[in-house]
N, C-alpha and C. Protein backbone atom coordinates (compact mmCIF):
# COMPACT_ATOMS: atom_id res chain seq x y z
N MET A 1 4.00 58.56 -21.10
CA MET A 1 4.86 57.73 -20.28
C MET A 1 4.16 57.31 -18.98
N GLU A 2 3.23 58.18 -18.51
CA GLU A 2 2.50 57.87 -17.28
C GLU A 2 1.64 56.62 -17.46
N GLY A 3 1.04 56.45 -18.63
CA GLY A 3 0.23 55.28 -18.92
C GLY A 3 1.03 53.99 -18.87
N LEU A 4 2.26 54.05 -19.39
CA LEU A 4 3.13 52.87 -19.37
C LEU A 4 3.51 52.50 -17.94
N GLY A 5 3.79 53.50 -17.11
CA GLY A 5 4.14 53.24 -15.70
C GLY A 5 2.98 52.60 -14.96
N SER A 6 1.77 53.09 -15.20
CA SER A 6 0.59 52.51 -14.56
C SER A 6 0.37 51.08 -15.02
N PHE A 7 0.54 50.85 -16.31
CA PHE A 7 0.39 49.50 -16.86
C PHE A 7 1.39 48.53 -16.22
N LEU A 8 2.65 48.96 -16.12
CA LEU A 8 3.67 48.09 -15.53
C LEU A 8 3.39 47.82 -14.06
N LEU A 9 2.93 48.82 -13.32
CA LEU A 9 2.60 48.63 -11.92
C LEU A 9 1.46 47.63 -11.77
N LEU A 10 0.42 47.77 -12.57
CA LEU A 10 -0.68 46.81 -12.53
C LEU A 10 -0.24 45.41 -12.94
N ALA A 11 0.64 45.34 -13.93
CA ALA A 11 1.13 44.03 -14.37
C ALA A 11 1.91 43.34 -13.25
N VAL A 12 2.73 44.10 -12.52
CA VAL A 12 3.50 43.53 -11.40
C VAL A 12 2.55 43.08 -10.29
N LEU A 13 1.55 43.89 -9.97
CA LEU A 13 0.58 43.50 -8.95
C LEU A 13 -0.19 42.25 -9.36
N PHE A 14 -0.59 42.18 -10.62
CA PHE A 14 -1.29 41.00 -11.12
C PHE A 14 -0.40 39.76 -11.00
N PHE A 15 0.85 39.89 -11.40
CA PHE A 15 1.78 38.76 -11.30
C PHE A 15 1.92 38.29 -9.86
N LEU A 16 2.12 39.24 -8.94
CA LEU A 16 2.30 38.86 -7.53
C LEU A 16 1.06 38.18 -6.96
N MET A 17 -0.12 38.66 -7.32
CA MET A 17 -1.34 38.03 -6.83
C MET A 17 -1.51 36.63 -7.42
N MET A 18 -1.19 36.44 -8.68
CA MET A 18 -1.31 35.12 -9.29
C MET A 18 -0.26 34.17 -8.75
N ARG A 19 0.91 34.69 -8.43
CA ARG A 19 2.00 33.83 -7.97
C ARG A 19 1.87 33.47 -6.50
N TYR A 20 1.51 34.45 -5.66
CA TYR A 20 1.53 34.23 -4.22
C TYR A 20 0.16 34.37 -3.56
N GLY A 21 -0.81 34.94 -4.23
CA GLY A 21 -2.13 35.16 -3.65
C GLY A 21 -3.09 34.05 -3.99
N CYS A 22 -4.36 34.39 -4.07
CA CYS A 22 -5.41 33.41 -4.36
C CYS A 22 -5.21 32.75 -5.72
N GLY A 23 -4.63 33.44 -6.67
CA GLY A 23 -4.39 32.87 -7.99
C GLY A 23 -3.41 31.72 -7.95
N ALA A 24 -2.57 31.63 -6.91
CA ALA A 24 -1.60 30.54 -6.81
C ALA A 24 -2.31 29.20 -6.76
N HIS A 25 -3.50 29.16 -6.15
CA HIS A 25 -4.25 27.90 -6.10
C HIS A 25 -4.70 27.49 -7.49
N MET A 26 -5.10 28.43 -8.29
CA MET A 26 -5.55 28.13 -9.65
C MET A 26 -4.40 27.64 -10.51
N MET A 27 -3.24 28.24 -10.36
CA MET A 27 -2.09 27.88 -11.18
C MET A 27 -1.55 26.49 -10.85
N HIS A 28 -1.75 26.04 -9.64
CA HIS A 28 -1.17 24.77 -9.23
C HIS A 28 -2.19 23.66 -9.11
N GLY A 29 -3.34 23.82 -9.75
CA GLY A 29 -4.31 22.73 -9.81
C GLY A 29 -5.22 22.60 -8.61
N HIS A 30 -5.32 23.62 -7.78
CA HIS A 30 -6.18 23.53 -6.61
C HIS A 30 -7.46 24.33 -6.79
N GLY A 31 -7.75 24.79 -7.97
CA GLY A 31 -8.89 25.66 -8.19
C GLY A 31 -10.22 25.00 -7.97
N GLY A 32 -10.31 23.68 -8.11
CA GLY A 32 -11.59 23.02 -8.01
C GLY A 32 -11.98 22.56 -6.62
N HIS A 33 -11.09 22.71 -5.64
CA HIS A 33 -11.46 22.18 -4.33
C HIS A 33 -12.30 23.16 -3.55
N ASP A 34 -13.00 22.64 -2.57
CA ASP A 34 -13.92 23.41 -1.76
C ASP A 34 -13.16 24.01 -0.59
N HIS A 35 -13.34 25.28 -0.32
CA HIS A 35 -12.65 25.94 0.77
C HIS A 35 -13.44 25.90 2.08
N SER A 36 -14.46 25.07 2.17
CA SER A 36 -15.32 25.07 3.34
C SER A 36 -14.67 24.38 4.53
N HIS A 37 -13.65 23.58 4.34
CA HIS A 37 -12.89 22.91 5.41
C HIS A 37 -13.78 22.18 6.40
N GLY A 38 -14.37 21.11 5.97
CA GLY A 38 -15.10 20.28 6.89
C GLY A 38 -16.52 19.98 6.48
N ASP A 39 -17.07 20.70 5.56
CA ASP A 39 -18.45 20.46 5.17
C ASP A 39 -18.60 19.23 4.28
N ASN A 40 -17.52 18.77 3.64
CA ASN A 40 -17.60 17.65 2.70
C ASN A 40 -16.87 16.42 3.22
N LYS A 41 -16.86 16.20 4.52
CA LYS A 41 -16.15 15.04 5.07
C LYS A 41 -16.79 13.73 4.63
N ASP A 42 -18.08 13.73 4.32
CA ASP A 42 -18.76 12.49 3.96
C ASP A 42 -18.74 12.23 2.46
N THR A 43 -18.05 13.07 1.68
CA THR A 43 -17.94 12.84 0.24
C THR A 43 -17.08 11.62 0.01
N LYS A 44 -17.52 10.77 -0.90
CA LYS A 44 -16.76 9.56 -1.21
C LYS A 44 -16.37 9.59 -2.67
N HIS A 45 -15.26 8.98 -2.95
CA HIS A 45 -14.74 8.87 -4.31
C HIS A 45 -14.66 7.39 -4.67
N ILE A 46 -14.65 7.11 -5.95
CA ILE A 46 -14.49 5.73 -6.42
C ILE A 46 -13.08 5.57 -6.96
N ASP A 47 -12.36 4.61 -6.41
CA ASP A 47 -11.01 4.29 -6.89
C ASP A 47 -11.13 3.81 -8.34
N PRO A 48 -10.48 4.50 -9.30
CA PRO A 48 -10.63 4.11 -10.70
C PRO A 48 -10.00 2.77 -11.05
N VAL A 49 -9.14 2.26 -10.18
CA VAL A 49 -8.48 0.98 -10.46
C VAL A 49 -9.33 -0.19 -10.01
N CYS A 50 -9.79 -0.17 -8.75
CA CYS A 50 -10.52 -1.33 -8.20
C CYS A 50 -11.99 -1.04 -7.94
N ASP A 51 -12.46 0.18 -8.22
CA ASP A 51 -13.85 0.60 -8.02
C ASP A 51 -14.29 0.58 -6.56
N MET A 52 -13.33 0.60 -5.64
CA MET A 52 -13.66 0.64 -4.22
C MET A 52 -14.01 2.07 -3.82
N GLU A 53 -14.95 2.24 -2.89
CA GLU A 53 -15.32 3.55 -2.39
C GLU A 53 -14.24 4.05 -1.44
N VAL A 54 -13.78 5.30 -1.63
CA VAL A 54 -12.72 5.88 -0.80
C VAL A 54 -13.23 7.22 -0.27
N GLU A 55 -13.17 7.40 1.05
CA GLU A 55 -13.60 8.66 1.63
C GLU A 55 -12.59 9.76 1.31
N THR A 56 -13.03 11.01 1.40
CA THR A 56 -12.22 12.15 0.99
C THR A 56 -10.88 12.21 1.70
N GLU A 57 -10.84 11.97 2.98
CA GLU A 57 -9.60 12.10 3.74
C GLU A 57 -8.85 10.78 3.89
N GLN A 58 -9.25 9.75 3.18
CA GLN A 58 -8.62 8.44 3.30
C GLN A 58 -7.83 8.10 2.04
N GLY A 59 -6.98 7.12 2.14
CA GLY A 59 -6.24 6.62 0.98
C GLY A 59 -5.26 7.61 0.41
N TYR A 60 -5.08 7.56 -0.89
CA TYR A 60 -4.12 8.39 -1.60
C TYR A 60 -4.84 9.23 -2.64
N GLY A 61 -4.40 10.46 -2.80
CA GLY A 61 -4.98 11.35 -3.80
C GLY A 61 -3.99 11.63 -4.90
N LYS A 62 -4.51 11.84 -6.10
CA LYS A 62 -3.66 12.13 -7.26
C LYS A 62 -4.40 13.10 -8.17
N MET A 63 -3.76 14.22 -8.51
CA MET A 63 -4.31 15.14 -9.50
C MET A 63 -3.86 14.66 -10.87
N TYR A 64 -4.82 14.50 -11.78
CA TYR A 64 -4.51 14.08 -13.13
C TYR A 64 -5.41 14.85 -14.09
N GLN A 65 -4.82 15.61 -14.97
CA GLN A 65 -5.52 16.43 -15.96
C GLN A 65 -6.59 17.30 -15.30
N GLY A 66 -6.24 17.91 -14.18
CA GLY A 66 -7.13 18.84 -13.51
C GLY A 66 -8.20 18.22 -12.64
N ALA A 67 -8.21 16.91 -12.50
CA ALA A 67 -9.20 16.24 -11.66
C ALA A 67 -8.50 15.45 -10.55
N LEU A 68 -9.14 15.40 -9.39
CA LEU A 68 -8.60 14.65 -8.26
C LEU A 68 -9.16 13.24 -8.27
N TYR A 69 -8.29 12.27 -8.19
CA TYR A 69 -8.68 10.86 -8.07
C TYR A 69 -8.16 10.35 -6.75
N ARG A 70 -8.95 9.52 -6.07
CA ARG A 70 -8.53 8.96 -4.79
C ARG A 70 -8.40 7.45 -4.95
N PHE A 71 -7.41 6.89 -4.24
CA PHE A 71 -7.09 5.47 -4.34
C PHE A 71 -7.09 4.85 -2.96
N CYS A 72 -7.55 3.61 -2.88
CA CYS A 72 -7.65 2.92 -1.60
C CYS A 72 -6.29 2.48 -1.07
N SER A 73 -5.33 2.28 -1.97
CA SER A 73 -4.02 1.79 -1.54
C SER A 73 -2.91 2.32 -2.45
N LYS A 74 -1.70 2.19 -1.98
CA LYS A 74 -0.53 2.59 -2.76
C LYS A 74 -0.42 1.72 -4.01
N ASN A 75 -0.82 0.47 -3.90
CA ASN A 75 -0.80 -0.45 -5.04
C ASN A 75 -1.69 0.06 -6.18
N CYS A 76 -2.91 0.50 -5.84
CA CYS A 76 -3.82 1.03 -6.87
C CYS A 76 -3.27 2.32 -7.46
N LEU A 77 -2.68 3.17 -6.62
CA LEU A 77 -2.07 4.41 -7.11
C LEU A 77 -0.94 4.11 -8.08
N ASP A 78 -0.10 3.13 -7.75
CA ASP A 78 1.01 2.76 -8.64
C ASP A 78 0.51 2.22 -9.98
N LYS A 79 -0.55 1.42 -9.94
CA LYS A 79 -1.12 0.89 -11.18
C LYS A 79 -1.65 2.04 -12.05
N PHE A 80 -2.33 3.00 -11.41
CA PHE A 80 -2.86 4.15 -12.14
C PHE A 80 -1.73 4.97 -12.74
N ASP A 81 -0.67 5.22 -11.96
CA ASP A 81 0.48 5.99 -12.46
C ASP A 81 1.12 5.33 -13.68
N ALA A 82 1.12 4.01 -13.72
CA ALA A 82 1.74 3.29 -14.83
C ALA A 82 0.97 3.47 -16.13
N ASP A 83 -0.37 3.55 -16.06
CA ASP A 83 -1.19 3.66 -17.27
C ASP A 83 -2.55 4.27 -16.93
N PRO A 84 -2.60 5.60 -16.71
CA PRO A 84 -3.86 6.23 -16.29
C PRO A 84 -5.00 6.06 -17.28
N GLU A 85 -4.73 6.15 -18.56
CA GLU A 85 -5.79 6.06 -19.57
C GLU A 85 -6.49 4.71 -19.54
N ARG A 86 -5.76 3.68 -19.19
CA ARG A 86 -6.33 2.33 -19.11
C ARG A 86 -7.47 2.29 -18.09
N TYR A 87 -7.29 2.99 -16.97
CA TYR A 87 -8.29 2.95 -15.91
C TYR A 87 -9.37 4.01 -16.08
N LEU A 88 -9.07 5.10 -16.74
CA LEU A 88 -10.07 6.15 -16.93
C LEU A 88 -11.04 5.83 -18.06
N ASN A 89 -10.63 4.99 -19.00
CA ASN A 89 -11.47 4.66 -20.15
C ASN A 89 -12.30 3.40 -19.96
N LYS A 90 -12.18 2.74 -18.81
CA LYS A 90 -12.96 1.52 -18.59
C LYS A 90 -14.31 1.86 -17.99
N GLU A 91 -15.26 0.97 -18.15
CA GLU A 91 -16.57 1.12 -17.52
C GLU A 91 -16.45 0.70 -16.06
N GLN A 92 -17.23 1.33 -15.16
CA GLN A 92 -17.17 0.95 -13.76
C GLN A 92 -17.57 -0.50 -13.60
N GLY A 93 -16.78 -1.25 -12.83
CA GLY A 93 -17.02 -2.66 -12.60
C GLY A 93 -16.27 -3.55 -13.58
N GLU A 94 -15.79 -2.98 -14.68
CA GLU A 94 -15.03 -3.74 -15.69
C GLU A 94 -13.58 -3.85 -15.23
N THR A 95 -12.97 -5.00 -15.41
CA THR A 95 -11.55 -5.16 -15.10
C THR A 95 -10.75 -4.99 -16.39
N PRO A 96 -9.85 -4.01 -16.39
CA PRO A 96 -9.07 -3.77 -17.62
C PRO A 96 -8.03 -4.82 -17.88
């Protein structure tokens, strides 16, 4: 019976850490971001709709299938939301 009690205690601790601790970031899609807070300010993203360069802290961000996409405007974000596969399957520079 002592083994079962230890197992349940560890299971509860594991659950709490995954729910409220560092594991919470992994469960909610934040596992891939950098925790350096400021070292990647010059990183740029390409808007998948219009192929415009978007800085990390600019525009709009959207998590889709575990990846972060950045958009230059709300209009581009809305177009992406309407049909994400259309914009992810095109070649850069191609207009879908």
